[in-house]
Amino acid sequence: MSDTTHELDVLKTTEAWAAEGRQLALATVIETWGSAPRPTGSHLVIDAEGNFEGSVSGGCVEGAVVAEAVDVIEAGEPRILEFGVADETAWRVGLSCGGRIRVYVEKVA
C-alpha cells in the first residue's frame, strides 16, 4: 500500500468515526529532520478512549501522541508536539538515526 493510499484510509476512518459520534483528534506530521519513520503529511486519528488508526512515528513517540491527543479532545485546543533524540537513545523511542519530528494535533469538529 502506498503512503498516499494509507493516508486516505486514515482520513476515511476519521470520517467514519466522526459519523459514529466519536470525539476525535487528528495528528499530522508537519515537519521532519534527519531520519524519521513517517513522512510529512502522515496522519493518526485518535478517539477519546485512546483508540487510534494510522501512524505518525512508532514506538514511544506514538504513545505520547495518543496521550496528548486525548488531552486535546478534552481541552479543545490544538498543540504542536516536537520529538527529537540523540543517536544513542533513538531506537528506544522509535526515531532511528537521531531524527526529529513535529506533529500538529487538533480536535476534529
PDB file of N, CA and C in Angstrom:
ATOM      1  N   MET A   1       0.844  -1.167   0.000  1.00  0.00           N
ATOM      2  CA  MET A   1       0.000   0.000   0.000  1.00  0.00           C
ATOM      3  C   MET A   1       0.895   1.238   0.000  1.00  0.00           C
ATOM      4  N   SER A   2       0.611   2.189  -0.876  1.00  0.00           N
ATOM      5  CA  SER A   2       1.407   3.405  -0.932  1.00  0.00           C
ATOM      6  C   SER A   2       1.079   4.299   0.256  1.00  0.00           C
ATOM      7  N   ASP A   3       2.004   5.245   0.545  1.00  0.00           N
ATOM      8  CA  ASP A   3       1.764   6.193   1.635  1.00  0.00           C
ATOM      9  C   ASP A   3       0.492   6.989   1.385  1.00  0.00           C
ATOM     10  N   THR A   4       0.244   7.397   0.136  1.00  0.00           N
ATOM     11  CA  THR A   4      -0.940   8.174  -0.186  1.00  0.00           C
ATOM     12  C   THR A   4      -2.203   7.369   0.098  1.00  0.00           C
ATOM     13  N   THR A   5      -2.232   6.112  -0.295  1.00  0.00           N
ATOM     14  CA  THR A   5      -3.388   5.255  -0.034  1.00  0.00           C
ATOM     15  C   THR A   5      -3.592   5.086   1.458  1.00  0.00           C
ATOM     16  N   HIS A   6      -2.506   4.868   2.202  1.00  0.00           N
ATOM     17  CA  HIS A   6      -2.591   4.714   3.650  1.00  0.00           C
ATOM     18  C   HIS A   6      -3.195   5.961   4.288  1.00  0.00           C
ATOM     19  N   GLU A   7      -2.751   7.158   3.862  1.00  0.00           N
ATOM     20  CA  GLU A   7      -3.254   8.402   4.446  1.00  0.00           C
ATOM     21  C   GLU A   7      -4.717   8.610   4.105  1.00  0.00           C
ATOM     22  N   LEU A   8      -5.136   8.243   2.904  1.00  0.00           N
ATOM     23  CA  LEU A   8      -6.547   8.352   2.547  1.00  0.00           C
ATOM     24  C   LEU A   8      -7.388   7.420   3.407  1.00  0.00           C
ATOM     25  N   ASP A   9      -6.873   6.230   3.724  1.00  0.00           N
ATOM     26  CA  ASP A   9      -7.586   5.298   4.600  1.00  0.00           C
ATOM     27  C   ASP A   9      -7.765   5.888   5.988  1.00  0.00           C
ATOM     28  N   VAL A  10      -6.742   6.555   6.523  1.00  0.00           N
ATOM     29  CA  VAL A  10      -6.835   7.173   7.845  1.00  0.00           C
ATOM     30  C   VAL A  10      -7.895   8.268   7.822  1.00  0.00           C
ATOM     31  N   LEU A  11      -7.925   9.070   6.768  1.00  0.00           N
ATOM     32  CA  LEU A  11      -8.922  10.138   6.679  1.00  0.00           C
ATOM     33  C   LEU A  11     -10.328   9.564   6.514  1.00  0.00           C
ATOM     34  N   LYS A  12     -10.460   8.455   5.800  1.00  0.00           N
ATOM     35  CA  LYS A  12     -11.768   7.789   5.694  1.00  0.00           C
ATOM     36  C   LYS A  12     -12.199   7.256   7.056  1.00  0.00           C
ATOM     37  N   THR A  13     -11.251   6.702   7.812  1.00  0.00           N
ATOM     38  CA  THR A  13     -11.557   6.230   9.162  1.00  0.00           C
ATOM     39  C   THR A  13     -12.015   7.406  10.026  1.00  0.00           C
ATOM     40  N   THR A  14     -11.339   8.545   9.893  1.00  0.00           N
ATOM     41  CA  THR A  14     -11.721   9.751  10.640  1.00  0.00           C
ATOM     42  C   THR A  14     -13.164  10.123  10.342  1.00  0.00           C
ATOM     43  N   GLU A  15     -13.535  10.135   9.068  1.00  0.00           N
ATOM     44  CA  GLU A  15     -14.917  10.450   8.675  1.00  0.00           C
ATOM     45  C   GLU A  15     -15.906   9.453   9.260  1.00  0.00           C
ATOM     46  N   ALA A  16     -15.559   8.168   9.180  1.00  0.00           N
ATOM     47  CA  ALA A  16     -16.455   7.124   9.681  1.00  0.00           C
ATOM     48  C   ALA A  16     -16.635   7.235  11.195  1.00  0.00           C
ATOM     49  N   TRP A  17     -15.531   7.427  11.920  1.00  0.00           N
ATOM     50  CA  TRP A  17     -15.625   7.542  13.376  1.00  0.00           C
ATOM     51  C   TRP A  17     -16.408   8.786  13.775  1.00  0.00           C
ATOM     52  N   ALA A  18     -16.221   9.891  13.061  1.00  0.00           N
ATOM     53  CA  ALA A  18     -16.974  11.118  13.347  1.00  0.00           C
ATOM     54  C   ALA A  18     -18.465  10.888  13.125  1.00  0.00           C
ATOM     55  N   ALA A  19     -18.806  10.143  12.064  1.00  0.00           N
ATOM     56  CA  ALA A  19     -20.208   9.835  11.777  1.00  0.00           C
ATOM     57  C   ALA A  19     -20.835   8.974  12.878  1.00  0.00           C
ATOM     58  N   GLU A  20     -19.997   8.208  13.582  1.00  0.00           N
ATOM     59  CA  GLU A  20     -20.478   7.397  14.708  1.00  0.00           C
ATOM     60  C   GLU A  20     -20.650   8.227  15.977  1.00  0.00           C
ATOM     61  N   GLY A  21     -20.256   9.494  15.913  1.00  0.00           N
ATOM     62  CA  GLY A  21     -20.401  10.369  17.061  1.00  0.00           C
ATOM     63  C   GLY A  21     -19.222  10.353  18.022  1.00  0.00           C
ATOM     64  N   ARG A  22     -18.116   9.736  17.626  1.00  0.00           N
ATOM     65  CA  ARG A  22     -16.942   9.706  18.493  1.00  0.00           C
ATOM     66  C   ARG A  22     -16.292  11.089  18.554  1.00  0.00           C
ATOM     67  N   GLN A  23     -15.733  11.432  19.704  1.00  0.00           N
ATOM     68  CA  GLN A  23     -14.922  12.634  19.828  1.00  0.00           C
ATOM     69  C   GLN A  23     -13.519  12.267  19.366  1.00  0.00           C
ATOM     70  N   LEU A  24     -12.957  13.090  18.469  1.00  0.00           N
ATOM     71  CA  LEU A  24     -11.713  12.723  17.796  1.00  0.00           C
ATOM     72  C   LEU A  24     -10.679  13.837  17.796  1.00  0.00           C
ATOM     73  N   ALA A  25      -9.426  13.409  17.658  1.00  0.00           N
ATOM     74  CA  ALA A  25      -8.325  14.315  17.338  1.00  0.00           C
ATOM     75  C   ALA A  25      -7.586  13.719  16.148  1.00  0.00           C
ATOM     76  N   LEU A  26      -7.015  14.602  15.344  1.00  0.00           N
ATOM     77  CA  LEU A  26      -6.214  14.179  14.202  1.00  0.00           C
ATOM     78  C   LEU A  26      -4.802  14.714  14.397  1.00  0.00           C
ATOM     79  N   ALA A  27      -3.833  13.815  14.357  1.00  0.00           N
ATOM     80  CA  ALA A  27      -2.420  14.179  14.464  1.00  0.00           C
ATOM     81  C   ALA A  27      -1.799  14.088  13.074  1.00  0.00           C
ATOM     82  N   THR A  28      -1.033  15.108  12.709  1.00  0.00           N
ATOM     83  CA  THR A  28      -0.412  15.176  11.389  1.00  0.00           C
ATOM     84  C   THR A  28       1.063  15.536  11.535  1.00  0.00           C
ATOM     85  N   VAL A  29       1.942  14.774  10.874  1.00  0.00           N
ATOM     86  CA  VAL A  29       3.360  15.120  10.845  1.00  0.00           C
ATOM     87  C   VAL A  29       3.496  16.373   9.985  1.00  0.00           C
ATOM     88  N   ILE A  30       3.997  17.469  10.591  1.00  0.00           N
ATOM     89  CA  ILE A  30       4.116  18.728   9.847  1.00  0.00           C
ATOM     90  C   ILE A  30       5.546  19.054   9.451  1.00  0.00           C
ATOM     91  N   GLU A  31       6.524  18.378  10.080  1.00  0.00           N
ATOM     92  CA  GLU A  31       7.913  18.649   9.733  1.00  0.00           C
ATOM     93  C   GLU A  31       8.777  17.491  10.219  1.00  0.00           C
ATOM     94  N   THR A  32       9.813  17.174   9.448  1.00  0.00           N
ATOM     95  CA  THR A  32      10.781  16.150   9.859  1.00  0.00           C
ATOM     96  C   THR A  32      12.183  16.665   9.601  1.00  0.00           C
ATOM     97  N   TRP A  33      13.132  16.186  10.401  1.00  0.00           N
ATOM     98  CA  TRP A  33      14.554  16.465  10.199  1.00  0.00           C
ATOM     99  C   TRP A  33      15.283  15.147  10.310  1.00  0.00           C
ATOM    100  N   GLY A  34      16.252  14.933   9.471  1.00  0.00           N
ATOM    101  CA  GLY A  34      17.034  13.707   9.545  1.00  0.00           C
ATOM    102  C   GLY A  34      16.173  12.491   9.237  1.00  0.00           C
ATOM    103  N   SER A  35      16.471  11.410   9.901  1.00  0.00           N
ATOM    104  CA  SER A  35      15.747  10.166   9.686  1.00  0.00           C
ATOM    105  C   SER A  35      14.465  10.165  10.512  1.00  0.00           C
ATOM    106  N   ALA A  36      13.329   9.955   9.853  1.00  0.00           N
ATOM    107  CA  ALA A  36      12.038   9.887  10.541  1.00  0.00           C
ATOM    108  C   ALA A  36      11.248   8.721   9.956  1.00  0.00           C
ATOM    109  N   PRO A  37      10.551   7.950  10.808  1.00  0.00           N
ATOM    110  CA  PRO A  37       9.835   6.765  10.338  1.00  0.00           C
ATOM    111  C   PRO A  37       8.683   7.050   9.373  1.00  0.00           C
ATOM    112  N   ARG A  38       8.035   8.220   9.488  1.00  0.00           N
ATOM    113  CA  ARG A  38       6.891   8.544   8.638  1.00  0.00           C
ATOM    114  C   ARG A  38       7.123   9.911   7.993  1.00  0.00           C
ATOM    115  N   PRO A  39       6.691  10.094   6.761  1.00  0.00           N
ATOM    116  CA  PRO A  39       6.915  11.366   6.073  1.00  0.00           C
ATOM    117  C   PRO A  39       5.950  12.463   6.533  1.00  0.00           C
ATOM    118  N   THR A  40       6.298  13.700   6.186  1.00  0.00           N
ATOM    119  CA  THR A  40       5.406  14.829   6.414  1.00  0.00           C
ATOM    120  C   THR A  40       4.056  14.511   5.767  1.00  0.00           C
ATOM    121  N   GLY A  41       2.978  14.855   6.474  1.00  0.00           N
ATOM    122  CA  GLY A  41       1.633  14.589   5.968  1.00  0.00           C
ATOM    123  C   GLY A  41       1.029  13.299   6.494  1.00  0.00           C
ATOM    124  N   SER A  42       1.806  12.492   7.189  1.00  0.00           N
ATOM    125  CA  SER A  42       1.272  11.249   7.767  1.00  0.00           C
ATOM    126  C   SER A  42       0.281  11.592   8.878  1.00  0.00           C
ATOM    127  N   HIS A  43      -0.765  10.753   9.005  1.00  0.00           N
ATOM    128  CA  HIS A  43      -1.844  11.029   9.958  1.00  0.00           C
ATOM    129  C   HIS A  43      -2.058   9.892  10.940  1.00  0.00           C
ATOM    130  N   LEU A  44      -2.588  10.281  12.108  1.00  0.00           N
ATOM    131  CA  LEU A  44      -3.035   9.351  13.135  1.00  0.00           C
ATOM    132  C   LEU A  44      -4.330   9.931  13.680  1.00  0.00           C
ATOM    133  N   VAL A  45      -5.411   9.157  13.649  1.00  0.00           N
ATOM    134  CA  VAL A  45      -6.676   9.604  14.238  1.00  0.00           C
ATOM    135  C   VAL A  45      -6.841   8.888  15.576  1.00  0.00           C
ATOM    136  N   ILE A  46      -7.295   9.637  16.582  1.00  0.00           N
ATOM    137  CA  ILE A  46      -7.418   9.114  17.938  1.00  0.00           C
ATOM    138  C   ILE A  46      -8.792   9.485  18.468  1.00  0.00           C
ATOM    139  N   ASP A  47      -9.463   8.533  19.163  1.00  0.00           N
ATOM    140  CA  ASP A  47     -10.731   8.887  19.799  1.00  0.00           C
ATOM    141  C   ASP A  47     -10.516   9.145  21.284  1.00  0.00           C
ATOM    142  N   ALA A  48     -11.567   9.592  21.964  1.00  0.00           N
ATOM    143  CA  ALA A  48     -11.461   9.996  23.371  1.00  0.00           C
ATOM    144  C   ALA A  48     -11.082   8.842  24.296  1.00  0.00           C
ATOM    145  N   GLU A  49     -11.279   7.599  23.856  1.00  0.00           N
ATOM    146  CA  GLU A  49     -10.911   6.429  24.664  1.00  0.00           C
ATOM    147  C   GLU A  49      -9.479   5.972  24.394  1.00  0.00           C
ATOM    148  N   GLY A  50      -8.788   6.636  23.468  1.00  0.00           N
ATOM    149  CA  GLY A  50      -7.414   6.268  23.163  1.00  0.00           C
ATOM    150  C   GLY A  50      -7.269   5.253  22.045  1.00  0.00           C
ATOM    151  N   ASN A  51      -8.366   4.895  21.375  1.00  0.00           N
ATOM    152  CA  ASN A  51      -8.275   4.030  20.196  1.00  0.00           C
ATOM    153  C   ASN A  51      -7.685   4.868  19.061  1.00  0.00           C
ATOM    154  N   PHE A  52      -6.882   4.246  18.201  1.00  0.00           N
ATOM    155  CA  PHE A  52      -6.264   5.011  17.120  1.00  0.00           C
ATOM    156  C   PHE A  52      -6.098   4.172  15.864  1.00  0.00           C
ATOM    157  N   GLU A  53      -5.908   4.892  14.772  1.00  0.00           N
ATOM    158  CA  GLU A  53      -5.685   4.293  13.453  1.00  0.00           C
ATOM    159  C   GLU A  53      -4.695   5.182  12.724  1.00  0.00           C
ATOM    160  N   GLY A  54      -3.736   4.575  12.041  1.00  0.00           N
ATOM    161  CA  GLY A  54      -2.740   5.323  11.294  1.00  0.00           C
ATOM    162  C   GLY A  54      -1.408   5.323  12.018  1.00  0.00           C
ATOM    163  N   SER A  55      -0.500   6.215  11.585  1.00  0.00           N
ATOM    164  CA  SER A  55       0.823   6.273  12.206  1.00  0.00           C
ATOM    165  C   SER A  55       1.491   7.610  11.916  1.00  0.00           C
ATOM    166  N   VAL A  56       2.128   8.167  12.946  1.00  0.00           N
ATOM    167  CA  VAL A  56       2.936   9.367  12.752  1.00  0.00           C
ATOM    168  C   VAL A  56       4.401   9.113  13.072  1.00  0.00           C
ATOM    169  N   SER A  57       4.702   7.978  13.705  1.00  0.00           N
ATOM    170  CA  SER A  57       6.095   7.680  14.015  1.00  0.00           C
ATOM    171  C   SER A  57       6.280   6.220  14.375  1.00  0.00           C
ATOM    172  N   GLY A  58       5.905   5.842  15.559  1.00  0.00           N
ATOM    173  CA  GLY A  58       6.129   4.497  16.067  1.00  0.00           C
ATOM    174  C   GLY A  58       6.725   4.578  17.453  1.00  0.00           C
ATOM    175  N   GLY A  59       6.850   3.448  18.097  1.00  0.00           N
ATOM    176  CA  GLY A  59       7.478   3.389  19.411  1.00  0.00           C
ATOM    177  C   GLY A  59       6.811   4.275  20.438  1.00  0.00           C
ATOM    178  N   CYS A  60       7.609   4.788  21.347  1.00  0.00           N
ATOM    179  CA  CYS A  60       7.108   5.626  22.438  1.00  0.00           C
ATOM    180  C   CYS A  60       6.539   6.946  21.938  1.00  0.00           C
ATOM    181  N   VAL A  61       7.030   7.437  20.804  1.00  0.00           N
ATOM    182  CA  VAL A  61       6.521   8.688  20.256  1.00  0.00           C
ATOM    183  C   VAL A  61       5.035   8.562  19.967  1.00  0.00           C
ATOM    184  N   GLU A  62       4.636   7.481  19.341  1.00  0.00           N
ATOM    185  CA  GLU A  62       3.227   7.310  19.008  1.00  0.00           C
ATOM    186  C   GLU A  62       2.359   7.252  20.270  1.00  0.00           C
ATOM    187  N   GLY A  63       2.836   6.567  21.305  1.00  0.00           N
ATOM    188  CA  GLY A  63       2.108   6.518  22.569  1.00  0.00           C
ATOM    189  C   GLY A  63       1.943   7.902  23.179  1.00  0.00           C
ATOM    190  N   ALA A  64       2.990   8.710  23.098  1.00  0.00           N
ATOM    191  CA  ALA A  64       2.919  10.075  23.623  1.00  0.00           C
ATOM    192  C   ALA A  64       1.936  10.923  22.827  1.00  0.00           C
ATOM    193  N   VAL A  65       1.893  10.743  21.508  1.00  0.00           N
ATOM    194  CA  VAL A  65       0.957  11.487  20.665  1.00  0.00           C
ATOM    195  C   VAL A  65      -0.480  11.100  21.017  1.00  0.00           C
ATOM    196  N   VAL A  66      -0.740   9.816  21.224  1.00  0.00           N
ATOM    197  CA  VAL A  66      -2.085   9.363  21.593  1.00  0.00           C
ATOM    198  C   VAL A  66      -2.503  10.005  22.915  1.00  0.00           C
ATOM    199  N   ALA A  67      -1.612   9.997  23.910  1.00  0.00           N
ATOM    200  CA  ALA A  67      -1.931  10.587  25.212  1.00  0.00           C
ATOM    201  C   ALA A  67      -2.216  12.086  25.081  1.00  0.00           C
ATOM    202  N   GLU A  68      -1.406  12.793  24.316  1.00  0.00           N
ATOM    203  CA  GLU A  68      -1.616  14.234  24.108  1.00  0.00           C
ATOM    204  C   GLU A  68      -2.923  14.486  23.354  1.00  0.00           C
ATOM    205  N   ALA A  69      -3.247  13.613  22.403  1.00  0.00           N
ATOM    206  CA  ALA A  69      -4.467  13.779  21.616  1.00  0.00           C
ATOM    207  C   ALA A  69      -5.709  13.674  22.494  1.00  0.00           C
ATOM    208  N   VAL A  70      -5.697  12.769  23.462  1.00  0.00           N
ATOM    209  CA  VAL A  70      -6.837  12.648  24.381  1.00  0.00           C
ATOM    210  C   VAL A  70      -7.003  13.963  25.151  1.00  0.00           C
ATOM    211  N   ASP A  71      -5.892  14.573  25.562  1.00  0.00           N
ATOM    212  CA  ASP A  71      -5.952  15.878  26.234  1.00  0.00           C
ATOM    213  C   ASP A  71      -6.491  16.961  25.293  1.00  0.00           C
ATOM    214  N   VAL A  72      -6.090  16.932  24.032  1.00  0.00           N
ATOM    215  CA  VAL A  72      -6.568  17.905  23.048  1.00  0.00           C
ATOM    216  C   VAL A  72      -8.083  17.760  22.863  1.00  0.00           C
ATOM    217  N   ILE A  73      -8.582  16.539  22.834  1.00  0.00           N
ATOM    218  CA  ILE A  73     -10.029  16.318  22.701  1.00  0.00           C
ATOM    219  C   ILE A  73     -10.751  16.968  23.875  1.00  0.00           C
ATOM    220  N   GLU A  74     -10.235  16.777  25.083  1.00  0.00           N
ATOM    221  CA  GLU A  74     -10.864  17.336  26.280  1.00  0.00           C
ATOM    222  C   GLU A  74     -10.782  18.860  26.322  1.00  0.00           C
ATOM    223  N   ALA A  75      -9.600  19.405  26.008  1.00  0.00           N
ATOM    224  CA  ALA A  75      -9.374  20.849  26.114  1.00  0.00           C
ATOM    225  C   ALA A  75      -9.889  21.620  24.901  1.00  0.00           C
ATOM    226  N   GLY A  76      -9.877  20.970  23.735  1.00  0.00           N
ATOM    227  CA  GLY A  76     -10.318  21.625  22.512  1.00  0.00           C
ATOM    228  C   GLY A  76      -9.282  22.519  21.862  1.00  0.00           C
ATOM    229  N   GLU A  77      -8.089  22.631  22.463  1.00  0.00           N
ATOM    230  CA  GLU A  77      -7.035  23.482  21.932  1.00  0.00           C
ATOM    231  C   GLU A  77      -5.983  22.644  21.204  1.00  0.00           C
ATOM    232  N   PRO A  78      -5.618  23.026  19.972  1.00  0.00           N
ATOM    233  CA  PRO A  78      -4.590  22.278  19.249  1.00  0.00           C
ATOM    234  C   PRO A  78      -3.219  22.441  19.889  1.00  0.00           C
ATOM    235  N   ARG A  79      -2.318  21.516  19.585  1.00  0.00           N
ATOM    236  CA  ARG A  79      -0.952  21.545  20.099  1.00  0.00           C
ATOM    237  C   ARG A  79       0.014  21.128  19.012  1.00  0.00           C
ATOM    238  N   ILE A  80       1.216  21.653  19.101  1.00  0.00           N
ATOM    239  CA  ILE A  80       2.312  21.185  18.254  1.00  0.00           C
ATOM    240  C   ILE A  80       3.285  20.463  19.173  1.00  0.00           C
ATOM    241  N   LEU A  81       3.563  19.221  18.846  1.00  0.00           N
ATOM    242  CA  LEU A  81       4.471  18.394  19.630  1.00  0.00           C
ATOM    243  C   LEU A  81       5.762  18.216  18.850  1.00  0.00           C
ATOM    244  N   GLU A  82       6.881  18.247  19.544  1.00  0.00           N
ATOM    245  CA  GLU A  82       8.168  18.018  18.886  1.00  0.00           C
ATOM    246  C   GLU A  82       8.903  16.903  19.608  1.00  0.00           C
ATOM    247  N   PHE A  83       9.415  15.974  18.823  1.00  0.00           N
ATOM    248  CA  PHE A  83      10.162  14.845  19.355  1.00  0.00           C
ATOM    249  C   PHE A  83      11.499  14.778  18.651  1.00  0.00           C
ATOM    250  N   GLY A  84      12.573  14.702  19.417  1.00  0.00           N
ATOM    251  CA  GLY A  84      13.910  14.575  18.855  1.00  0.00           C
ATOM    252  C   GLY A  84      14.796  13.890  19.879  1.00  0.00           C
ATOM    253  N   VAL A  85      15.698  13.073  19.409  1.00  0.00           N
ATOM    254  CA  VAL A  85      16.540  12.325  20.330  1.00  0.00           C
ATOM    255  C   VAL A  85      17.956  12.237  19.813  1.00  0.00           C
ATOM    256  N   ALA A  86      18.862  12.007  20.726  1.00  0.00           N
ATOM    257  CA  ALA A  86      20.252  11.754  20.368  1.00  0.00           C
ATOM    258  C   ALA A  86      20.365  10.337  19.816  1.00  0.00           C
ATOM    259  N   ASP A  87      21.386  10.095  19.005  1.00  0.00           N
ATOM    260  CA  ASP A  87      21.554   8.783  18.372  1.00  0.00           C
ATOM    261  C   ASP A  87      21.517   7.630  19.366  1.00  0.00           C
ATOM    262  N   GLU A  88      22.100   7.794  20.557  1.00  0.00           N
ATOM    263  CA  GLU A  88      22.184   6.669  21.489  1.00  0.00           C
ATOM    264  C   GLU A  88      20.836   6.258  22.075  1.00  0.00           C
ATOM    265  N   THR A  89      19.827   7.151  22.018  1.00  0.00           N
ATOM    266  CA  THR A  89      18.507   6.788  22.559  1.00  0.00           C
ATOM    267  C   THR A  89      17.448   6.653  21.463  1.00  0.00           C
ATOM    268  N   ALA A  90      17.851   6.854  20.235  1.00  0.00           N
ATOM    269  CA  ALA A  90      16.888   6.909  19.131  1.00  0.00           C
ATOM    270  C   ALA A  90      16.044   5.652  19.001  1.00  0.00           C
ATOM    271  N   TRP A  91      16.659   4.484  19.022  1.00  0.00           N
ATOM    272  CA  TRP A  91      15.909   3.249  18.804  1.00  0.00           C
ATOM    273  C   TRP A  91      14.873   3.013  19.889  1.00  0.00           C
ATOM    274  N   ARG A  92      15.189   3.396  21.114  1.00  0.00           N
ATOM    275  CA  ARG A  92      14.281   3.151  22.235  1.00  0.00           C
ATOM    276  C   ARG A  92      12.958   3.901  22.071  1.00  0.00           C
ATOM    277  N   VAL A  93      12.977   5.101  21.513  1.00  0.00           N
ATOM    278  CA  VAL A  93      11.742   5.868  21.360  1.00  0.00           C
ATOM    279  C   VAL A  93      11.163   5.814  19.955  1.00  0.00           C
ATOM    280  N   GLY A  94      11.789   5.088  19.059  1.00  0.00           N
ATOM    281  CA  GLY A  94      11.207   4.893  17.734  1.00  0.00           C
ATOM    282  C   GLY A  94      11.672   5.850  16.663  1.00  0.00           C
ATOM    283  N   LEU A  95      12.695   6.659  16.927  1.00  0.00           N
ATOM    284  CA  LEU A  95      13.250   7.537  15.894  1.00  0.00           C
ATOM    285  C   LEU A  95      14.664   7.077  15.590  1.00  0.00           C
ATOM    286  N   SER A  96      14.797   6.293  14.548  1.00  0.00           N
ATOM    287  CA  SER A  96      16.112   5.763  14.202  1.00  0.00           C
ATOM    288  C   SER A  96      17.022   6.876  13.695  1.00  0.00           C
ATOM    289  N   CYS A  97      18.302   6.753  13.943  1.00  0.00           N
ATOM    290  CA  CYS A  97      19.344   7.652  13.438  1.00  0.00           C
ATOM    291  C   CYS A  97      19.191   9.092  13.911  1.00  0.00           C
ATOM    292  N   GLY A  98      18.579   9.299  15.069  1.00  0.00           N
ATOM    293  CA  GLY A  98      18.532  10.630  15.646  1.00  0.00           C
ATOM    294  C   GLY A  98      17.592  11.596  14.965  1.00  0.00           C
ATOM    295  N   GLY A  99      16.586  11.124  14.270  1.00  0.00           N
ATOM    296  CA  GLY A  99      15.635  12.004  13.602  1.00  0.00           C
ATOM    297  C   GLY A  99      14.802  12.812  14.577  1.00  0.00           C
ATOM    298  N   ARG A 100      14.172  13.860  14.050  1.00  0.00           N
ATOM    299  CA  ARG A 100      13.250  14.678  14.833  1.00  0.00           C
ATOM    300  C   ARG A 100      11.989  14.895  14.008  1.00  0.00           C
ATOM    301  N   ILE A 101      10.856  15.011  14.712  1.00  0.00           N
ATOM    302  CA  ILE A 101       9.600  15.279  14.021  1.00  0.00           C
ATOM    303  C   ILE A 101       8.786  16.303  14.800  1.00  0.00           C
ATOM    304  N   ARG A 102       7.924  17.033  14.078  1.00  0.00           N
ATOM    305  CA  ARG A 102       6.919  17.903  14.697  1.00  0.00           C
ATOM    306  C   ARG A 102       5.561  17.395  14.254  1.00  0.00           C
ATOM    307  N   VAL A 103       4.631  17.322  15.223  1.00  0.00           N
ATOM    308  CA  VAL A 103       3.303  16.777  14.967  1.00  0.00           C
ATOM    309  C   VAL A 103       2.254  17.782  15.443  1.00  0.00           C
ATOM    310  N   TYR A 104       1.325  18.120  14.565  1.00  0.00           N
ATOM    311  CA  TYR A 104       0.217  19.015  14.906  1.00  0.00           C
ATOM    312  C   TYR A 104      -0.974  18.150  15.294  1.00  0.00           C
ATOM    313  N   VAL A 105      -1.529  18.407  16.488  1.00  0.00           N
ATOM    314  CA  VAL A 105      -2.665  17.630  16.976  1.00  0.00           C
ATOM    315  C   VAL A 105      -3.842  18.592  17.150  1.00  0.00           C
ATOM    316  N   GLU A 106      -4.962  18.268  16.489  1.00  0.00           N
ATOM    317  CA  GLU A 106      -6.146  19.125  16.553  1.00  0.00           C
ATOM    318  C   GLU A 106      -7.400  18.303  16.778  1.00  0.00           C
ATOM    319  N   LYS A 107      -8.361  18.899  17.461  1.00  0.00           N
ATOM    320  CA  LYS A 107      -9.652  18.252  17.669  1.00  0.00           C
ATOM    321  C   LYS A 107     -10.413  18.304  16.354  1.00  0.00           C
ATOM    322  N   VAL A 108     -11.099  17.214  16.031  1.00  0.00           N
ATOM    323  CA  VAL A 108     -11.911  17.159  14.812  1.00  0.00           C
ATOM    324  C   VAL A 108     -13.299  17.662  15.164  1.00  0.00           C
ATOM    325  N   ALA A 109     -13.735  18.697  14.441  1.00  0.00           N
ATOM    326  CA  ALA A 109     -15.054  19.306  14.707  1.00  0.00           C
ATOM    327  C   ALA A 109     -16.169  18.470  14.111  1.00  0.00           C
TER     328      ALA A 109
END
